[in-house]
Amino acid sequence: MALGDAQFQLVTFQLGEELYGVDIMDVKEIVKVQTVRPIPNAPYYVEGIFNLRGEIIPIINLHKRFRLKNIEIAEEDAFERGFIILSIDGSKIGIIIDRVARVVLVQNEEVKPPPQMLAGIGTEYVHGVIRQDAGYLILLDTRKIFNPKELQKLIGMQ
């Protein structure tokens, strides 16, 4: 989210029962679920790595990171699962999503501070919430999902 801009775009996705969004400027691409190779001794939330056109990308399971329950996905909806490839400080990291939703335009004044506890996610990962007709959209802060030490460890896996 560029400071000073009156509006910005979010890529929204479903994770468990909730709708999340990340700044479109942090998203490199969205890909279908791929085969992920496990990494020995990786942190509990790292599913492994996969090869994206010759680039090795660590894949993070936000269900585990945020301690969310996995939801049952109907077979006909399984094709909507995938990875969002984020670029965080020049490094690419993939996050597993249950379903990509859409790109939305958000006004800065729509972003409200997060409640103290959001469905088990620590508020340290949340930039804010945006009220919507059917509830709210949780705006994730991609830079805070991983602290700098974790980020270095993940980058070292590439």
Foldseek 3Di string as FASTA:
>chain_A
DDPPDQKFKWFWAAFAHAIATEGPVFFPDKDWDDDFDCDPPAPPQWRHWDADPNDIATEGEVCVLLVNDHDDDDPVQNRQWTWTWTQDPNHTHIYTGSGTDGMDMDGPVQFAQDDCQDRRGHSQQFPGWGADPVGIYTYGDVCRSADPVSVVVRRVSD
